[in-house]
Amino acid sequence: MTIRQSGAGSFGGARAGFVLLDLVVTAAITCLLLGLVLPGLTSGTTPARMHVLLANVASMLRDARTSAIAENRDVAFSFDSTRGRFSSGRAFVFLPADVGASMLSGGGCNSGGDVAEVIFHPDGTGCGGVLRFASDAGVYRIRVNWATGYVEIIRG
C-alpha cells in the first residue's frame, strides 16, 4: 500500500490562488459599483445640499452688490421662476426640482410676471427683497436689506 503526501499547506496548487484572486477582483468591482450607484439613490434635496444652494444664492446677491459699488452702476440679481434660475451677470444657479422658491422684491424693482429682480445701486443700497425656499429639508429665507444691501439667511 502506498500513501501519497502533498506539500505542506497545499489544497489545490495553483488553482487555489486563482480563486482567491478572483474573489478579490470581484469584491473590488462590487465596491466600485456601489460607490457610483449609492449617491444617485438619494431622492430629494438633503439639508446639506439645501445649505449649499442657500450659500450660493446669498453669495451671488453679495457679489451683485459689490459689483454695483465697484463698477459705479446698477446691477440686477434676478430669479426666473419658469426656468428655476437665479442669475446675476454671467453667474447663475439652477433651482433643484424638489425645492420651491419665490421672490418678493421691494419698491423700484421689477417683480412682475415670471421674473423678479433685486437691483443694487452704486451707493450700496438696493430695492431689497425676500427669497423663500421650501423643501423636505426645511423652509428658509434670504433677506436683502434695502438700505444697506445686507444679505442674511434665516431658517423658517
N, C-alpha and C. Protein backbone atom coordinates (compact mmCIF):
# COMPACT_ATOMS: atom_id res chain seq x y z
N MET A 1 0.83 -1.15 0.00
CA MET A 1 0.00 0.00 0.00
C MET A 1 0.89 1.24 0.00
N THR A 2 0.55 2.18 -0.85
CA THR A 2 1.36 3.38 -1.00
C THR A 2 0.54 4.60 -0.56
N ILE A 3 1.16 5.44 0.24
CA ILE A 3 0.50 6.68 0.70
C ILE A 3 1.18 7.84 0.01
N ARG A 4 0.37 8.68 -0.62
CA ARG A 4 0.91 9.86 -1.30
C ARG A 4 0.71 11.07 -0.42
N GLN A 5 1.74 11.85 -0.25
CA GLN A 5 1.64 13.08 0.53
C GLN A 5 1.87 14.26 -0.39
N SER A 6 1.07 15.28 -0.18
CA SER A 6 1.29 16.51 -0.95
C SER A 6 2.04 17.48 -0.07
N GLY A 7 2.50 18.59 -0.65
CA GLY A 7 3.27 19.57 0.10
C GLY A 7 2.46 20.16 1.24
N ALA A 8 3.17 20.68 2.25
CA ALA A 8 2.51 21.25 3.42
C ALA A 8 1.68 22.46 3.03
N GLY A 9 0.41 22.51 3.45
CA GLY A 9 -0.47 23.64 3.20
C GLY A 9 -0.99 23.70 1.78
N SER A 10 -0.81 22.70 0.99
CA SER A 10 -1.27 22.73 -0.39
C SER A 10 -2.67 22.15 -0.45
N PHE A 11 -3.61 22.95 -0.92
CA PHE A 11 -5.00 22.49 -1.01
C PHE A 11 -5.50 22.48 -2.44
N GLY A 12 -4.68 22.59 -3.36
CA GLY A 12 -5.15 22.56 -4.74
C GLY A 12 -4.17 23.22 -5.67
N GLY A 13 -3.04 23.53 -5.20
CA GLY A 13 -2.00 24.07 -6.05
C GLY A 13 -2.32 25.47 -6.57
N ALA A 14 -1.99 25.68 -7.82
CA ALA A 14 -2.14 27.00 -8.45
C ALA A 14 -3.60 27.41 -8.57
N ARG A 15 -4.49 26.49 -8.64
CA ARG A 15 -5.92 26.79 -8.78
C ARG A 15 -6.45 27.52 -7.56
N ALA A 16 -5.99 27.22 -6.37
CA ALA A 16 -6.46 27.87 -5.14
C ALA A 16 -6.10 29.36 -5.16
N GLY A 17 -4.93 29.72 -5.62
CA GLY A 17 -4.54 31.12 -5.73
C GLY A 17 -5.39 31.88 -6.72
N PHE A 18 -5.76 31.24 -7.80
CA PHE A 18 -6.59 31.88 -8.81
C PHE A 18 -7.96 32.20 -8.25
N VAL A 19 -8.55 31.33 -7.46
CA VAL A 19 -9.86 31.57 -6.87
C VAL A 19 -9.80 32.75 -5.90
N LEU A 20 -8.74 32.85 -5.11
CA LEU A 20 -8.59 33.96 -4.18
C LEU A 20 -8.49 35.28 -4.93
N LEU A 21 -7.70 35.29 -5.99
CA LEU A 21 -7.57 36.50 -6.82
C LEU A 21 -8.91 36.86 -7.45
N ASP A 22 -9.64 35.87 -7.88
CA ASP A 22 -10.98 36.08 -8.45
C ASP A 22 -11.90 36.75 -7.44
N LEU A 23 -11.87 36.30 -6.21
CA LEU A 23 -12.71 36.89 -5.16
C LEU A 23 -12.32 38.34 -4.86
N VAL A 24 -11.05 38.64 -4.82
CA VAL A 24 -10.58 39.99 -4.54
C VAL A 24 -11.01 40.95 -5.65
N VAL A 25 -10.85 40.54 -6.89
CA VAL A 25 -11.26 41.38 -8.02
C VAL A 25 -12.77 41.60 -8.02
N THR A 26 -13.54 40.56 -7.75
CA THR A 26 -14.99 40.69 -7.68
C THR A 26 -15.42 41.64 -6.58
N ALA A 27 -14.79 41.56 -5.41
CA ALA A 27 -15.11 42.46 -4.30
C ALA A 27 -14.76 43.91 -4.66
N ALA A 28 -13.64 44.11 -5.33
CA ALA A 28 -13.23 45.47 -5.72
C ALA A 28 -14.22 46.06 -6.73
N ILE A 29 -14.64 45.29 -7.69
CA ILE A 29 -15.61 45.78 -8.68
C ILE A 29 -16.95 46.08 -8.02
N THR A 30 -17.38 45.24 -7.11
CA THR A 30 -18.63 45.47 -6.40
C THR A 30 -18.58 46.75 -5.58
N CYS A 31 -17.49 46.98 -4.89
CA CYS A 31 -17.34 48.22 -4.11
C CYS A 31 -17.34 49.45 -5.01
N LEU A 32 -16.69 49.36 -6.15
CA LEU A 32 -16.66 50.47 -7.09
C LEU A 32 -18.06 50.78 -7.62
N LEU A 33 -18.80 49.76 -7.99
CA LEU A 33 -20.16 49.97 -8.49
C LEU A 33 -21.08 50.54 -7.41
N LEU A 34 -20.95 50.06 -6.19
CA LEU A 34 -21.76 50.61 -5.09
C LEU A 34 -21.41 52.08 -4.84
N GLY A 35 -20.15 52.42 -4.95
CA GLY A 35 -19.72 53.80 -4.77
C GLY A 35 -20.30 54.72 -5.83
N LEU A 36 -20.50 54.21 -7.03
CA LEU A 36 -21.07 55.02 -8.10
C LEU A 36 -22.59 55.09 -8.04
N VAL A 37 -23.24 54.03 -7.58
CA VAL A 37 -24.69 53.95 -7.60
C VAL A 37 -25.34 54.58 -6.37
N LEU A 38 -24.79 54.39 -5.19
CA LEU A 38 -25.44 54.84 -3.96
C LEU A 38 -25.70 56.35 -3.90
N PRO A 39 -24.79 57.23 -4.32
CA PRO A 39 -25.11 58.65 -4.25
C PRO A 39 -26.31 59.04 -5.11
N GLY A 40 -26.55 58.32 -6.18
CA GLY A 40 -27.68 58.61 -7.04
C GLY A 40 -29.01 58.12 -6.51
N LEU A 41 -28.99 57.29 -5.49
CA LEU A 41 -30.23 56.75 -4.94
C LEU A 41 -30.95 57.70 -4.00
N THR A 42 -30.25 58.70 -3.46
CA THR A 42 -30.90 59.63 -2.55
C THR A 42 -31.86 60.50 -3.33
N SER A 43 -33.10 60.50 -2.91
CA SER A 43 -34.09 61.32 -3.60
C SER A 43 -34.32 62.59 -2.80
N GLY A 44 -34.45 63.67 -3.49
CA GLY A 44 -34.72 64.93 -2.82
C GLY A 44 -33.45 65.65 -2.41
N THR A 45 -33.65 66.88 -2.02
CA THR A 45 -32.55 67.73 -1.60
C THR A 45 -32.30 67.49 -0.12
N THR A 46 -31.10 67.08 0.20
CA THR A 46 -30.72 66.85 1.59
C THR A 46 -30.49 68.20 2.26
N PRO A 47 -30.49 68.24 3.59
CA PRO A 47 -30.20 69.50 4.27
C PRO A 47 -28.86 70.10 3.87
N ALA A 48 -27.85 69.27 3.65
CA ALA A 48 -26.54 69.78 3.24
C ALA A 48 -26.61 70.44 1.87
N ARG A 49 -27.32 69.82 0.94
CA ARG A 49 -27.47 70.41 -0.40
C ARG A 49 -28.29 71.69 -0.35
N MET A 50 -29.26 71.75 0.54
CA MET A 50 -30.07 72.96 0.70
C MET A 50 -29.19 74.11 1.20
N HIS A 51 -28.31 73.81 2.15
CA HIS A 51 -27.41 74.85 2.67
C HIS A 51 -26.45 75.34 1.59
N VAL A 52 -26.00 74.45 0.73
CA VAL A 52 -25.13 74.85 -0.37
C VAL A 52 -25.89 75.76 -1.34
N LEU A 53 -27.12 75.40 -1.65
CA LEU A 53 -27.95 76.25 -2.52
C LEU A 53 -28.12 77.64 -1.92
N LEU A 54 -28.47 77.70 -0.64
CA LEU A 54 -28.67 78.99 0.03
C LEU A 54 -27.38 79.81 0.04
N ALA A 55 -26.26 79.16 0.32
CA ALA A 55 -24.98 79.87 0.34
C ALA A 55 -24.62 80.41 -1.03
N ASN A 56 -24.89 79.64 -2.08
CA ASN A 56 -24.60 80.10 -3.43
C ASN A 56 -25.45 81.30 -3.83
N VAL A 57 -26.74 81.25 -3.52
CA VAL A 57 -27.62 82.36 -3.87
C VAL A 57 -27.25 83.61 -3.06
N ALA A 58 -26.99 83.44 -1.77
CA ALA A 58 -26.59 84.59 -0.94
C ALA A 58 -25.28 85.18 -1.44
N SER A 59 -24.36 84.34 -1.86
CA SER A 59 -23.08 84.81 -2.39
C SER A 59 -23.28 85.60 -3.68
N MET A 60 -24.18 85.14 -4.53
CA MET A 60 -24.48 85.86 -5.76
C MET A 60 -25.07 87.24 -5.46
N LEU A 61 -25.94 87.31 -4.46
CA LEU A 61 -26.51 88.61 -4.07
C LEU A 61 -25.41 89.56 -3.58
N ARG A 62 -24.53 89.05 -2.74
CA ARG A 62 -23.44 89.88 -2.22
C ARG A 62 -22.50 90.33 -3.35
N ASP A 63 -22.23 89.42 -4.29
CA ASP A 63 -21.38 89.77 -5.43
C ASP A 63 -22.03 90.84 -6.30
N ALA A 64 -23.35 90.77 -6.47
CA ALA A 64 -24.05 91.78 -7.27
C ALA A 64 -23.93 93.15 -6.61
N ARG A 65 -24.07 93.20 -5.29
CA ARG A 65 -23.92 94.48 -4.58
C ARG A 65 -22.50 95.01 -4.71
N THR A 66 -21.52 94.13 -4.54
CA THR A 66 -20.12 94.54 -4.66
C THR A 66 -19.82 95.05 -6.07
N SER A 67 -20.34 94.39 -7.08
CA SER A 67 -20.15 94.83 -8.46
C SER A 67 -20.77 96.20 -8.70
N ALA A 68 -21.94 96.43 -8.14
CA ALA A 68 -22.59 97.73 -8.30
C ALA A 68 -21.74 98.85 -7.72
N ILE A 69 -21.14 98.61 -6.57
CA ILE A 69 -20.29 99.62 -5.93
C ILE A 69 -18.99 99.80 -6.72
N ALA A 70 -18.34 98.68 -7.09
CA ALA A 70 -17.05 98.75 -7.76
C ALA A 70 -17.15 99.34 -9.16
N GLU A 71 -18.22 99.02 -9.88
CA GLU A 71 -18.36 99.47 -11.27
C GLU A 71 -19.18 100.75 -11.40
N ASN A 72 -19.69 101.26 -10.28
CA ASN A 72 -20.45 102.51 -10.25
C ASN A 72 -21.64 102.48 -11.22
N ARG A 73 -22.40 101.38 -11.15
CA ARG A 73 -23.60 101.24 -11.99
C ARG A 73 -24.59 100.31 -11.30
N ASP A 74 -25.84 100.36 -11.71
CA ASP A 74 -26.84 99.46 -11.17
C ASP A 74 -26.57 98.03 -11.64
N VAL A 75 -26.72 97.08 -10.73
CA VAL A 75 -26.55 95.66 -11.06
C VAL A 75 -27.78 94.92 -10.57
N ALA A 76 -28.34 94.07 -11.43
CA ALA A 76 -29.57 93.34 -11.09
C ALA A 76 -29.26 91.88 -10.78
N PHE A 77 -29.94 91.37 -9.77
CA PHE A 77 -29.98 89.95 -9.44
C PHE A 77 -31.39 89.51 -9.77
N SER A 78 -31.56 88.45 -10.58
CA SER A 78 -32.91 88.08 -10.98
C SER A 78 -33.21 86.60 -10.71
N PHE A 79 -34.49 86.34 -10.55
CA PHE A 79 -34.99 84.97 -10.38
C PHE A 79 -36.06 84.73 -11.43
N ASP A 80 -35.82 83.76 -12.30
CA ASP A 80 -36.77 83.38 -13.33
C ASP A 80 -37.48 82.11 -12.85
N SER A 81 -38.75 82.27 -12.46
CA SER A 81 -39.47 81.14 -11.86
C SER A 81 -39.81 80.05 -12.87
N THR A 82 -39.98 80.39 -14.14
CA THR A 82 -40.30 79.36 -15.12
C THR A 82 -39.09 78.48 -15.43
N ARG A 83 -37.91 79.04 -15.42
CA ARG A 83 -36.69 78.27 -15.68
C ARG A 83 -36.06 77.76 -14.39
N GLY A 84 -36.50 78.27 -13.24
CA GLY A 84 -35.91 77.87 -11.97
C GLY A 84 -34.46 78.29 -11.88
N ARG A 85 -34.19 79.55 -12.25
CA ARG A 85 -32.80 80.00 -12.37
C ARG A 85 -32.60 81.36 -11.69
N PHE A 86 -31.56 81.43 -10.87
CA PHE A 86 -31.13 82.68 -10.26
C PHE A 86 -29.93 83.15 -11.06
N SER A 87 -29.86 84.44 -11.38
CA SER A 87 -28.73 84.92 -12.16
C SER A 87 -28.35 86.35 -11.78
N SER A 88 -27.09 86.62 -11.97
CA SER A 88 -26.54 87.96 -11.80
C SER A 88 -25.31 88.05 -12.67
N GLY A 89 -25.35 88.91 -13.67
CA GLY A 89 -24.23 88.98 -14.61
C GLY A 89 -24.11 87.67 -15.36
N ARG A 90 -22.92 87.08 -15.35
CA ARG A 90 -22.70 85.81 -16.04
C ARG A 90 -22.87 84.61 -15.11
N ALA A 91 -23.06 84.84 -13.84
CA ALA A 91 -23.22 83.74 -12.88
C ALA A 91 -24.69 83.33 -12.77
N PHE A 92 -24.91 82.05 -12.59
CA PHE A 92 -26.28 81.58 -12.39
C PHE A 92 -26.28 80.31 -11.56
N VAL A 93 -27.43 80.07 -10.91
CA VAL A 93 -27.65 78.87 -10.10
C VAL A 93 -29.03 78.35 -10.45
N PHE A 94 -29.13 77.05 -10.71
CA PHE A 94 -30.43 76.44 -11.01
C PHE A 94 -31.04 75.88 -9.74
N LEU A 95 -32.33 75.99 -9.64
CA LEU A 95 -33.09 75.50 -8.51
C LEU A 95 -33.36 74.01 -8.69
N PRO A 96 -33.07 73.17 -7.67
CA PRO A 96 -33.40 71.74 -7.78
C PRO A 96 -34.90 71.55 -7.96
N ALA A 97 -35.29 70.48 -8.63
CA ALA A 97 -36.70 70.24 -8.96
C ALA A 97 -37.59 70.11 -7.73
N ASP A 98 -37.05 69.61 -6.63
CA ASP A 98 -37.89 69.38 -5.45
C ASP A 98 -37.88 70.55 -4.47
N VAL A 99 -37.28 71.67 -4.84
CA VAL A 99 -37.25 72.85 -3.98
C VAL A 99 -38.15 73.91 -4.59
N GLY A 100 -39.08 74.41 -3.80
CA GLY A 100 -39.94 75.50 -4.24
C GLY A 100 -39.32 76.83 -3.84
N ALA A 101 -39.41 77.82 -4.70
CA ALA A 101 -38.83 79.12 -4.39
C ALA A 101 -39.75 80.23 -4.87
N SER A 102 -39.74 81.31 -4.13
CA SER A 102 -40.46 82.51 -4.54
C SER A 102 -39.62 83.71 -4.13
N MET A 103 -39.87 84.83 -4.80
CA MET A 103 -39.09 86.03 -4.51
C MET A 103 -40.02 87.23 -4.50
N LEU A 104 -39.91 88.02 -3.46
CA LEU A 104 -40.66 89.25 -3.33
C LEU A 104 -39.65 90.38 -3.24
N SER A 105 -39.67 91.27 -4.22
CA SER A 105 -38.70 92.36 -4.20
C SER A 105 -39.40 93.65 -3.82
N GLY A 106 -38.61 94.57 -3.30
CA GLY A 106 -39.14 95.83 -2.80
C GLY A 106 -39.48 96.82 -3.91
N GLY A 107 -39.89 98.01 -3.50
CA GLY A 107 -40.25 99.06 -4.44
C GLY A 107 -39.09 99.47 -5.31
N GLY A 108 -39.36 99.76 -6.57
CA GLY A 108 -38.33 100.18 -7.50
C GLY A 108 -37.67 99.02 -8.22
N CYS A 109 -38.09 97.81 -7.93
CA CYS A 109 -37.53 96.64 -8.62
C CYS A 109 -38.58 96.02 -9.50
N ASN A 110 -38.13 95.26 -10.47
CA ASN A 110 -39.04 94.53 -11.35
C ASN A 110 -39.47 93.26 -10.63
N SER A 111 -40.77 93.12 -10.40
CA SER A 111 -41.24 91.90 -9.75
C SER A 111 -42.54 91.40 -10.36
N GLY A 112 -42.73 91.69 -11.62
CA GLY A 112 -43.95 91.22 -12.28
C GLY A 112 -43.68 90.03 -13.16
N GLY A 113 -44.68 89.22 -13.38
CA GLY A 113 -44.56 88.08 -14.27
C GLY A 113 -43.72 86.96 -13.68
N ASP A 114 -42.97 86.33 -14.55
CA ASP A 114 -42.17 85.17 -14.15
C ASP A 114 -40.78 85.54 -13.64
N VAL A 115 -40.36 86.79 -13.84
CA VAL A 115 -39.02 87.22 -13.43
C VAL A 115 -39.12 88.30 -12.38
N ALA A 116 -38.41 88.11 -11.27
CA ALA A 116 -38.34 89.12 -10.20
C ALA A 116 -36.88 89.52 -10.05
N GLU A 117 -36.65 90.80 -9.73
CA GLU A 117 -35.28 91.30 -9.62
C GLU A 117 -35.07 92.07 -8.32
N VAL A 118 -33.84 92.02 -7.86
CA VAL A 118 -33.35 92.91 -6.81
C VAL A 118 -32.24 93.73 -7.48
N ILE A 119 -32.39 95.04 -7.48
CA ILE A 119 -31.42 95.90 -8.14
C ILE A 119 -30.59 96.61 -7.07
N PHE A 120 -29.27 96.52 -7.23
CA PHE A 120 -28.34 97.19 -6.33
C PHE A 120 -27.81 98.44 -7.01
N HIS A 121 -27.68 99.52 -6.26
CA HIS A 121 -27.23 100.81 -6.77
C HIS A 121 -25.76 101.02 -6.39
N PRO A 122 -25.09 101.98 -7.07
CA PRO A 122 -23.66 102.23 -6.80
C PRO A 122 -23.34 102.65 -5.37
N ASP A 123 -24.32 103.17 -4.65
CA ASP A 123 -24.06 103.57 -3.27
C ASP A 123 -24.24 102.42 -2.27
N GLY A 124 -24.52 101.21 -2.76
CA GLY A 124 -24.66 100.04 -1.90
C GLY A 124 -26.09 99.73 -1.49
N THR A 125 -26.99 100.65 -1.74
CA THR A 125 -28.40 100.40 -1.42
C THR A 125 -29.03 99.59 -2.53
N GLY A 126 -30.25 99.19 -2.30
CA GLY A 126 -30.99 98.45 -3.32
C GLY A 126 -32.47 98.53 -3.01
N CYS A 127 -33.25 97.80 -3.77
CA CYS A 127 -34.69 97.81 -3.52
C CYS A 127 -35.08 96.77 -2.47
N GLY A 128 -34.16 95.92 -2.07
CA GLY A 128 -34.45 94.92 -1.04
C GLY A 128 -35.31 93.80 -1.57
N GLY A 129 -35.46 92.79 -0.77
CA GLY A 129 -36.29 91.66 -1.17
C GLY A 129 -36.15 90.49 -0.22
N VAL A 130 -37.04 89.53 -0.42
CA VAL A 130 -37.03 88.30 0.37
C VAL A 130 -37.20 87.13 -0.60
N LEU A 131 -36.29 86.18 -0.51
CA LEU A 131 -36.39 84.95 -1.28
C LEU A 131 -36.76 83.83 -0.32
N ARG A 132 -37.76 83.04 -0.68
CA ARG A 132 -38.23 81.96 0.19
C ARG A 132 -37.96 80.63 -0.51
N PHE A 133 -37.35 79.68 0.23
CA PHE A 133 -37.05 78.34 -0.28
C PHE A 133 -37.73 77.32 0.61
N ALA A 134 -38.37 76.34 0.01
CA ALA A 134 -39.04 75.29 0.79
C ALA A 134 -38.82 73.93 0.15
N SER A 135 -38.48 72.95 1.00
CA SER A 135 -38.33 71.56 0.55
C SER A 135 -38.50 70.67 1.78
N ASP A 136 -38.26 69.38 1.59
CA ASP A 136 -38.29 68.46 2.72
C ASP A 136 -37.21 68.79 3.74
N ALA A 137 -36.17 69.49 3.30
CA ALA A 137 -35.06 69.87 4.18
C ALA A 137 -35.42 71.05 5.07
N GLY A 138 -36.55 71.70 4.82
CA GLY A 138 -36.98 72.82 5.65
C GLY A 138 -37.34 74.04 4.83
N VAL A 139 -37.73 75.09 5.54
CA VAL A 139 -38.08 76.37 4.91
C VAL A 139 -37.04 77.40 5.33
N TYR A 140 -36.53 78.12 4.37
CA TYR A 140 -35.51 79.14 4.61
C TYR A 140 -35.86 80.40 3.85
N ARG A 141 -35.33 81.52 4.34
CA ARG A 141 -35.50 82.80 3.67
C ARG A 141 -34.14 83.48 3.57
N ILE A 142 -33.95 84.17 2.47
CA ILE A 142 -32.79 85.04 2.31
C ILE A 142 -33.35 86.46 2.22
N ARG A 143 -32.96 87.28 3.17
CA ARG A 143 -33.45 88.67 3.18
C ARG A 143 -32.34 89.61 2.72
N VAL A 144 -32.75 90.59 1.91
CA VAL A 144 -31.83 91.62 1.43
C VAL A 144 -32.35 92.96 1.94
N ASN A 145 -31.57 93.62 2.79
CA ASN A 145 -31.96 94.91 3.35
C ASN A 145 -31.85 95.97 2.27
N TRP A 146 -32.90 96.77 2.11
CA TRP A 146 -32.92 97.78 1.05
C TRP A 146 -31.95 98.93 1.33
N ALA A 147 -31.74 99.28 2.59
CA ALA A 147 -30.92 100.45 2.93
C ALA A 147 -29.42 100.13 2.92
N THR A 148 -29.07 98.92 3.34
CA THR A 148 -27.64 98.60 3.45
C THR A 148 -27.18 97.53 2.45
N GLY A 149 -28.10 96.79 1.88
CA GLY A 149 -27.74 95.71 0.98
C GLY A 149 -27.29 94.46 1.71
N TYR A 150 -27.44 94.44 3.04
CA TYR A 150 -27.02 93.31 3.86
C TYR A 150 -27.86 92.08 3.50
N VAL A 151 -27.20 90.94 3.32
CA VAL A 151 -27.86 89.69 2.95
C VAL A 151 -27.74 88.71 4.12
N GLU A 152 -28.88 88.15 4.54
CA GLU A 152 -28.85 87.18 5.63
C GLU A 152 -29.76 86.00 5.32
N ILE A 153 -29.35 84.82 5.82
CA ILE A 153 -30.13 83.59 5.64
C ILE A 153 -30.81 83.29 6.97
N ILE A 154 -32.13 83.05 6.89
CA ILE A 154 -32.93 82.81 8.09
C ILE A 154 -33.69 81.51 7.92
N ARG A 155 -33.69 80.68 8.96
CA ARG A 155 -34.47 79.44 8.93
C ARG A 155 -35.91 79.75 9.33
N GLY A 156 -36.83 79.12 8.60
CA GLY A 156 -38.26 79.27 8.96
C GLY A 156 -39.01 80.26 8.13
